[in-house]
Protein backbone atom coordinates (compact mmCIF):
# COMPACT_ATOMS: atom_id res chain seq x y z
CA UNK A 1 24.64 -0.84 -2.58
CA UNK A 2 23.79 -4.66 -2.05
CA UNK A 3 25.05 -7.18 -5.10
CA UNK A 4 22.15 -9.32 -4.35
CA UNK A 5 19.35 -6.53 -5.27
CA UNK A 6 20.61 -4.64 -8.65
CA UNK A 7 18.29 -3.35 -10.95
CA UNK A 8 18.86 -5.87 -13.78
CA UNK A 9 18.11 -8.81 -11.18
CA UNK A 10 15.04 -7.35 -9.92
CA UNK A 11 13.64 -6.15 -13.26
CA UNK A 12 14.02 -9.64 -14.73
CA UNK A 13 12.38 -11.16 -11.79
CA UNK A 14 9.40 -8.65 -12.14
CA UNK A 15 9.55 -8.21 -15.77
CA UNK A 16 9.25 -4.47 -15.32
CA UNK A 17 12.12 -1.40 -16.03
CA UNK A 18 12.82 0.86 -13.62
CA UNK A 19 12.46 4.39 -13.90
CA UNK A 20 13.50 7.62 -11.91
CA UNK A 21 12.15 9.43 -8.91
CA UNK A 22 13.00 12.73 -7.58
CA UNK A 23 12.20 14.75 -4.92
CA UNK A 24 10.50 11.50 -3.30
CA UNK A 25 8.74 12.16 0.44
CA UNK A 26 7.52 9.48 2.88
CA UNK A 27 3.94 10.66 3.98
CA UNK A 28 3.61 8.77 7.53
CA UNK A 29 2.36 11.19 9.66
CA UNK A 30 -1.90 10.93 8.75
CA UNK A 31 -2.59 14.47 9.36
CA UNK A 32 0.40 15.72 7.70
CA UNK A 33 -0.22 13.35 4.88
CA UNK A 34 -3.09 14.13 3.62
CA UNK A 35 -2.42 18.53 3.98
CA UNK A 36 0.41 17.39 1.40
CA UNK A 37 -1.58 15.46 -0.46
CA UNK A 38 -4.95 17.93 -0.62
CA UNK A 39 -2.63 20.79 -1.06
CA UNK A 40 -0.84 19.00 -4.08
CA UNK A 41 -4.28 18.51 -5.47
CA UNK A 42 -5.38 22.39 -5.28
CA UNK A 43 -2.49 23.03 -7.03
CA UNK A 44 -3.18 20.93 -10.21
CA UNK A 45 -3.31 22.84 -13.65
CA UNK A 46 -4.25 20.37 -16.26
CA UNK A 47 -5.19 16.64 -14.67
CA UNK A 48 -6.35 14.66 -11.70
CA UNK A 49 -6.20 11.08 -11.67
CA UNK A 50 -7.47 9.08 -8.66
CA UNK A 51 -7.83 5.71 -7.85
CA UNK A 52 -8.41 4.10 -4.57
CA UNK A 53 -10.04 1.28 -2.66
CA UNK A 54 -11.69 3.07 0.10
CA UNK A 55 -13.55 6.57 -0.67
CA UNK A 56 -16.10 7.40 1.91
CA UNK A 57 -18.60 10.43 1.81
CA UNK A 58 -17.31 11.40 5.53
CA UNK A 59 -15.86 14.33 6.32
CA UNK A 60 -12.58 13.73 4.73
CA UNK A 61 -14.13 12.08 1.58
CA UNK A 62 -16.39 15.50 1.13
CA UNK A 63 -13.57 17.85 2.02
CA UNK A 64 -11.49 15.98 -0.50
CA UNK A 65 -14.70 15.86 -3.32
CA UNK A 66 -15.11 19.89 -3.01
CA UNK A 67 -11.47 20.42 -4.17
CA UNK A 68 -12.30 18.30 -6.84
CA UNK A 69 -15.27 19.92 -7.99
CA UNK A 70 -14.08 22.80 -7.76
CA UNK A 71 -10.98 22.07 -9.89
CA UNK A 72 -13.45 20.48 -12.23
CA UNK A 73 -15.09 23.84 -12.39
CA UNK A 74 -11.71 25.35 -12.97
CA UNK A 75 -11.29 23.29 -16.29
CA UNK A 76 -9.16 20.91 -15.25
CA UNK A 77 -9.63 17.49 -16.14
CA UNK A 78 -10.15 14.74 -13.37
CA UNK A 79 -10.44 11.08 -13.27
CA UNK A 80 -11.45 8.74 -10.72
CA UNK A 81 -11.27 5.14 -10.05
CA UNK A 82 -13.05 3.61 -7.01
CA UNK A 83 -13.38 0.06 -5.98
CA UNK A 84 -17.21 -1.27 -5.55
CA UNK A 85 -16.28 -3.58 -2.94
CA UNK A 86 -14.32 -0.91 -0.33
CA UNK A 87 -16.44 2.06 -1.48
CA UNK A 88 -19.98 -0.23 -1.14
CA UNK A 89 -21.28 2.31 1.74
CA UNK A 90 -20.91 5.54 0.28
CA UNK A 91 -24.00 6.37 -1.00
CA UNK A 92 -24.93 6.88 -5.27
CA UNK A 93 -25.84 10.46 -4.59
CA UNK A 94 -22.66 11.26 -3.41
CA UNK A 95 -20.72 9.94 -6.90
CA UNK A 96 -23.49 12.13 -9.00
CA UNK A 97 -22.60 15.21 -7.40
CA UNK A 98 -19.18 14.65 -8.37
CA UNK A 99 -20.37 14.02 -12.17
CA UNK A 100 -22.52 16.80 -11.89
CA UNK A 101 -19.56 19.17 -12.26
CA UNK A 102 -17.80 17.04 -15.24
CA UNK A 103 -15.88 14.63 -12.98
CA UNK A 104 -14.93 11.17 -14.91
CA UNK A 105 -16.14 8.43 -12.37
CA UNK A 106 -15.70 4.50 -12.92
CA UNK A 107 -15.77 1.77 -10.59
CA UNK A 108 -13.35 -1.47 -10.82
CA UNK A 109 -14.94 -4.53 -10.15
CA UNK A 110 -18.28 -4.06 -9.80
CA UNK A 111 -20.71 -7.09 -8.26
CA UNK A 112 -22.50 -9.36 -11.19
CA UNK A 113 -25.10 -12.12 -10.03
CA UNK A 114 -23.97 -14.02 -13.58
CA UNK A 115 -19.98 -14.47 -11.18
CA UNK A 116 -20.66 -13.45 -7.65
CA UNK A 117 -17.08 -15.69 -7.15
CA UNK A 118 -15.52 -12.92 -9.19
CA UNK A 119 -16.68 -10.35 -6.01
CA UNK A 120 -13.34 -11.68 -4.24
CA UNK A 121 -11.11 -9.46 -6.42
CA UNK A 122 -10.64 -6.05 -5.48
CA UNK A 123 -8.62 -2.98 -6.33
CA UNK A 124 -6.70 -2.48 -3.14
CA UNK A 125 -4.41 0.14 -4.84
CA UNK A 126 -3.68 3.63 -3.63
CA UNK A 127 -2.98 6.04 -6.79
CA UNK A 128 -2.97 9.97 -7.39
CA UNK A 129 -1.24 11.66 -10.14
CA UNK A 130 -1.41 15.59 -10.64
CA UNK A 131 -0.67 17.49 -13.96
CA UNK A 132 2.21 14.38 -14.32
CA UNK A 133 4.71 16.04 -12.20
CA UNK A 134 3.63 14.74 -8.90
CA UNK A 135 2.28 11.07 -7.71
CA UNK A 136 0.81 10.15 -4.56
CA UNK A 137 1.17 6.34 -3.64
CA UNK A 138 1.13 3.75 -0.83
CA UNK A 139 -1.89 2.49 1.88
CA UNK A 140 -3.56 5.32 2.31
CA UNK A 141 -7.46 5.55 1.24
CA UNK A 142 -10.11 8.84 1.47
CA UNK A 143 -11.94 8.09 5.18
CA UNK A 144 -11.71 9.67 8.43
CA UNK A 145 -9.54 6.86 9.88
CA UNK A 146 -6.86 7.22 7.43
CA UNK A 147 -6.64 11.18 7.65
CA UNK A 148 -7.34 11.17 11.52
CA UNK A 149 -10.22 13.39 11.34
CA UNK A 150 -12.38 11.63 14.08
CA UNK A 151 -9.50 11.52 16.25
CA UNK A 152 -7.53 15.28 16.22
CA UNK A 153 -9.10 15.76 19.29
CA UNK A 154 -7.30 13.22 20.77
CA UNK A 155 -4.55 13.90 18.70
CA UNK A 156 -4.10 10.06 17.57
CA UNK A 157 -4.64 8.56 14.35
CA UNK A 158 -4.24 5.09 12.32
CA UNK A 159 -0.57 4.72 11.09
CA UNK A 160 -0.38 4.33 7.47
CA UNK A 161 2.09 5.03 5.10
CA UNK A 162 2.51 6.87 1.81
CA UNK A 163 5.02 8.23 -0.93
CA UNK A 164 5.53 11.26 -3.10
CA UNK A 165 7.31 10.98 -6.05
CA UNK A 166 8.26 13.50 -8.97
CA UNK A 167 10.30 12.64 -12.27
CA UNK A 168 9.70 9.95 -14.98
CA UNK A 169 8.38 7.35 -12.76
CA UNK A 170 5.26 9.81 -12.60
CA UNK A 171 4.50 9.33 -15.87
CA UNK A 172 5.18 5.46 -15.65
CA UNK A 173 2.52 5.65 -12.88
CA UNK A 174 0.29 7.57 -15.41
CA UNK A 175 0.20 4.90 -17.97
CA UNK A 176 -0.77 2.39 -15.05
CA UNK A 177 -3.46 4.82 -14.31
CA UNK A 178 -5.03 4.88 -17.95
CA UNK A 179 -4.67 1.03 -18.28
CA UNK A 180 -6.81 0.28 -15.07
CA UNK A 181 -9.55 2.91 -16.90
CA UNK A 182 -9.50 1.56 -19.86
CA UNK A 183 -9.83 -2.05 -17.82
CA UNK A 184 -12.85 -0.57 -16.37
CA UNK A 185 -14.33 0.81 -19.38
CA UNK A 186 -13.76 4.35 -18.69
CA UNK A 187 -13.82 7.04 -21.85
CA UNK A 188 -10.25 7.43 -23.38
CA UNK A 189 -8.35 9.91 -21.10
CA UNK A 190 -6.96 12.33 -23.64
CA UNK A 191 -3.63 14.73 -22.28
CA UNK A 192 -1.29 16.03 -24.11
CA UNK A 193 2.46 17.53 -24.04
CA UNK A 194 2.61 14.74 -21.11
CA UNK A 195 6.55 14.47 -21.53
CA UNK A 196 6.99 18.38 -21.22
CA UNK A 197 4.65 17.94 -17.80
CA UNK A 198 7.49 15.70 -16.49
CA UNK A 199 10.05 17.97 -14.67
CA UNK A 200 13.26 17.40 -15.10
CA UNK A 201 15.74 16.56 -11.98
CA UNK A 202 19.30 16.43 -12.04
CA UNK A 203 19.89 14.11 -9.20
CA UNK A 204 17.19 10.85 -9.72
CA UNK A 205 17.30 7.34 -7.36
CA UNK A 206 16.16 3.91 -9.23
CA UNK A 207 12.63 3.02 -8.62
CA UNK A 208 10.01 0.87 -10.05
CA UNK A 209 6.56 0.50 -9.95
CA UNK A 210 5.50 -2.53 -8.53
CA UNK A 211 1.20 -1.91 -9.58
CA UNK A 212 0.08 -5.58 -10.51
CA UNK A 213 -4.02 -6.04 -11.90
CA UNK A 214 -3.89 -10.28 -13.11
CA UNK A 215 -3.12 -13.78 -11.60
CA UNK A 216 0.33 -13.27 -14.00
CA UNK A 217 1.24 -9.64 -12.28
CA UNK A 218 0.54 -11.14 -8.56
CA UNK A 219 2.46 -14.22 -9.83
CA UNK A 220 5.68 -11.54 -10.41
CA UNK A 221 5.13 -9.90 -7.59
CA UNK A 222 5.45 -12.71 -5.14
CA UNK A 223 8.55 -13.91 -7.12
CA UNK A 224 9.68 -10.81 -6.27
CA UNK A 225 8.83 -10.72 -2.58
CA UNK A 226 10.49 -14.09 -2.24
CA UNK A 227 13.58 -13.17 -3.66
CA UNK A 228 13.84 -10.25 -1.72
CA UNK A 229 13.78 -12.13 1.64
CA UNK A 230 15.67 -15.21 0.13
CA UNK A 231 18.85 -13.07 -1.18
CA UNK A 232 18.73 -10.52 1.83
CA UNK A 233 21.81 -11.55 3.34
CA UNK A 234 22.04 -8.72 7.11
CA UNK A 235 18.57 -7.73 7.40
CA UNK A 236 14.93 -8.09 6.57
CA UNK A 237 12.03 -5.26 8.02
CA UNK A 238 8.24 -5.67 7.66
CA UNK A 239 5.62 -3.68 8.28
CA UNK A 240 1.89 -5.40 7.63
CA UNK A 241 -1.49 -4.43 8.51
CA UNK A 242 -2.93 -7.98 8.13
CA UNK A 243 -0.22 -10.98 8.43
CA UNK A 244 -1.92 -14.37 7.66
CA UNK A 245 0.97 -15.94 6.02
CA UNK A 246 1.09 -19.20 3.79
CA UNK A 247 3.53 -21.96 4.90
CA UNK A 248 5.82 -20.97 2.45
CA UNK A 249 6.22 -17.87 3.91
CA UNK A 250 6.81 -19.38 7.46
CA UNK A 251 9.72 -21.28 6.06
CA UNK A 252 11.21 -18.76 3.81
CA UNK A 253 11.27 -16.23 6.80
CA UNK A 254 12.44 -18.91 9.15
CA UNK A 255 15.40 -19.46 6.23
CA UNK A 256 16.08 -16.04 6.52
CA UNK A 257 17.58 -16.18 10.14
CA UNK A 258 19.23 -19.71 9.40
CA UNK A 259 21.32 -17.67 7.29
CA UNK A 260 22.29 -15.12 9.40
CA UNK A 261 19.47 -12.10 8.88
CA UNK A 262 17.92 -10.04 11.18
CA UNK A 263 14.10 -10.51 10.47
CA UNK A 264 11.59 -8.14 12.23
CA UNK A 265 8.16 -8.10 11.94
CA UNK A 266 5.89 -5.40 13.25
CA UNK A 267 2.44 -6.08 13.06
CA UNK A 268 -0.87 -4.37 14.47
CA UNK A 269 -1.53 -4.91 18.12
CA UNK A 270 -5.35 -3.85 18.11
CA UNK A 271 -6.79 -4.81 14.29
CA UNK A 272 -9.68 -3.26 12.58
CA UNK A 273 -9.89 -7.35 11.43
CA UNK A 274 -9.71 -9.08 14.37
CA UNK A 275 -10.37 -12.57 12.48
CA UNK A 276 -7.09 -11.78 10.40
CA UNK A 277 -5.06 -10.85 13.06
CA UNK A 278 -6.23 -14.20 15.17
CA UNK A 279 -5.21 -15.92 11.75
CA UNK A 280 -1.61 -14.81 11.97
CA UNK A 281 -1.19 -14.89 15.77
CA UNK A 282 -1.08 -19.08 15.25
CA UNK A 283 1.93 -19.07 13.45
CA UNK A 284 4.08 -16.80 15.86
CA UNK A 285 4.87 -19.22 18.15
CA UNK A 286 6.47 -20.89 15.45
CA UNK A 287 8.44 -17.65 14.02
CA UNK A 288 9.64 -16.44 17.31
CA UNK A 289 11.01 -20.18 18.02
CA UNK A 290 12.98 -19.76 14.74
CA UNK A 291 14.36 -16.42 16.10
CA UNK A 292 12.12 -13.95 14.18
CA UNK A 293 11.54 -10.97 15.78
CA UNK A 294 7.53 -9.80 16.10
CA UNK A 295 6.47 -6.42 17.68
CA UNK A 296 2.73 -5.16 17.91
CA UNK A 297 1.92 -1.68 17.53
CA UNK A 298 0.59 0.15 20.32
CA UNK A 299 -1.24 3.03 18.54
CA UNK A 300 -4.27 3.55 17.14
CA UNK A 301 -4.33 0.98 14.29
CA UNK A 302 -1.09 -0.03 12.19
CA UNK A 303 -2.05 0.14 8.38
CA UNK A 304 1.14 0.57 6.75
CA UNK A 305 2.97 -1.80 3.91
CA UNK A 306 7.14 -1.60 3.87
CA UNK A 307 9.54 -3.82 3.22
CA UNK A 308 13.20 -3.05 3.42
CA UNK A 309 15.52 -5.59 2.80
CA UNK A 310 19.12 -4.89 3.50
CA UNK A 311 19.29 -1.18 3.90
CA UNK A 312 19.46 -0.76 -0.05
CA UNK A 313 15.86 -2.27 -1.04
CA UNK A 314 12.58 -1.20 0.07
CA UNK A 315 8.93 -1.64 -1.11
CA UNK A 316 6.10 1.03 -0.12
CA UNK A 317 2.31 0.60 -0.81
CA UNK A 318 -0.78 -1.76 -0.75
CA UNK A 319 0.37 -4.78 -0.81
CA UNK A 320 -0.12 -7.03 2.80
CA UNK A 321 1.52 -10.10 3.76
CA UNK A 322 -2.08 -11.97 3.83
CA UNK A 323 -3.98 -14.29 1.12
CA UNK A 324 -6.11 -11.22 -0.31
CA UNK A 325 -3.31 -9.34 -1.24
CA UNK A 326 -1.03 -11.68 -2.69
CA UNK A 327 -3.62 -13.99 -4.53
CA UNK A 328 -6.53 -11.67 -5.39
CA UNK A 329 -6.06 -8.11 -5.11
CA UNK A 330 -4.94 -5.33 -7.56
CA UNK A 331 -1.84 -3.59 -5.89
CA UNK A 332 0.03 -0.38 -6.02
CA UNK A 333 3.49 -0.15 -4.78
CA UNK A 334 6.59 0.98 -5.20
CA UNK A 335 10.36 -0.42 -5.04
CA UNK A 336 13.41 1.92 -4.79
CA UNK A 337 16.54 0.70 -4.69
CA UNK A 338 18.71 3.44 -2.98
CA UNK A 339 20.57 2.69 0.17
CA UNK A 340 19.72 6.91 1.79
CA UNK A 341 16.12 6.26 1.42
CA UNK A 342 16.07 2.84 2.79
CA UNK A 343 18.38 4.82 5.94
CA UNK A 344 14.93 6.91 5.87
CA UNK A 345 12.71 3.91 5.97
CA UNK A 346 14.40 2.31 8.76
CA UNK A 347 14.22 5.28 10.34
CA UNK A 348 10.18 5.24 10.71
CA UNK A 349 10.54 1.50 11.36
CA UNK A 350 12.49 2.20 14.22
CA UNK A 351 10.09 4.85 15.44
CA UNK A 352 7.42 2.84 15.00
CA UNK A 353 9.21 0.46 17.07
CA UNK A 354 9.31 2.83 20.21
CA UNK A 355 5.91 2.28 20.13
CA UNK A 356 5.55 -1.19 20.07
CA UNK A 357 6.23 -4.11 22.29
CA UNK A 358 8.64 -7.17 21.30
CA UNK A 359 6.94 -10.28 21.97
CA UNK A 360 8.78 -13.20 24.17
CA UNK A 361 8.72 -16.52 23.05
CA UNK A 362 8.06 -17.40 27.04
CA UNK A 363 5.58 -15.18 27.55
CA UNK A 364 3.36 -15.87 24.07
CA UNK A 365 3.38 -19.31 25.21
CA UNK A 366 1.37 -18.48 28.59
CA UNK A 367 -1.67 -16.52 26.34
CA UNK A 368 -4.89 -17.91 27.43
CA UNK A 369 -5.91 -20.77 26.11
CA UNK A 370 -9.34 -18.97 24.95
CA UNK A 371 -6.94 -17.17 22.47
CA UNK A 372 -5.24 -20.32 21.56
CA UNK A 373 -8.33 -21.43 20.49
CA UNK A 374 -9.73 -18.46 18.44
CA UNK A 375 -6.25 -17.97 16.47
CA UNK A 376 -6.59 -21.66 15.46
CA UNK A 377 -10.29 -21.21 14.28
CA UNK A 378 -9.33 -18.54 12.22
CA UNK A 379 -6.31 -20.17 10.76
CA UNK A 380 -8.62 -22.65 8.88
CA UNK A 381 -10.02 -20.01 6.79
CA UNK A 382 -6.88 -17.59 6.63
CA UNK A 383 -6.83 -17.99 3.02
CA UNK A 384 -10.25 -15.91 2.77
CA UNK A 385 -9.42 -13.27 5.75
């Protein structure tokens, strides 16, 4: 275990205590991920809490909706919190149908004419709590492109990463959900005997919820992220769906390479938001010149957000390395301080590199002028992408 990354240091930086996780499972093959999630939801006996940025009424959303309605009819309490902007295209009839079976539903960050500028703030978290026994977090949304429903015939899906957790941390995450539910004026959640529902495990690993819903929380999250980069001594492996770095972020990565740290950055080859992709590419030449290794994923769409530091400290969740995530969004991540889990994370990272192209500085400089112009133009607006 690295002496740089210890529970007291991380707790002091983020202002939150570590908990314990057991039976930690990485979910990174989307069809298998959704099968695991849906099977867990079907097994619920007491309650289900869901919080998602995107919840669509497509095949994937309808499948989960049918499961939730059935569980509600069986007497399971179901609470669903969705982001108003992220799920803007989901019709009101879809939510009404769920409510008619007794499911409690709230929308976060609804648009208000009295304060339209606040609409830039979004609930980007992805969280499921089942019976106080299992929790799911990560980058997955409830939509076909994440489950791969519309691509199954081709055998290709969006590339995302989630995590399933058991143990005491589930109780911590349940408390976080209840806080979000109260913020958006949901009726009180009454769940009794939660402690008895949290299974006892002989073997656990240190895990900390990195969930933020305020400017103060986002400052703490940024402080923890920069600390992790600044104090890594051997390696940093970053996977992000959207990379529109601040100048501070660029300088921090450059300084890490100067210290002898191997820094690798994995970003999408094809992005679902091309403007954000161009804005990030504007900084590639500088990073490549400094020695940062940059890879572009050649699969369908890379949507994962994972960070690995020195082979012992890992963060997995919903936060991208862009202004929207780091400055405006409510985000949800889990940090795990365990070399065994970090090894598993690194194995997935290496698998992703096999489907990626390494950018070489010489070749990058030869890209067409029109591409450079697009990068320069969109970089001017990177704080809003």
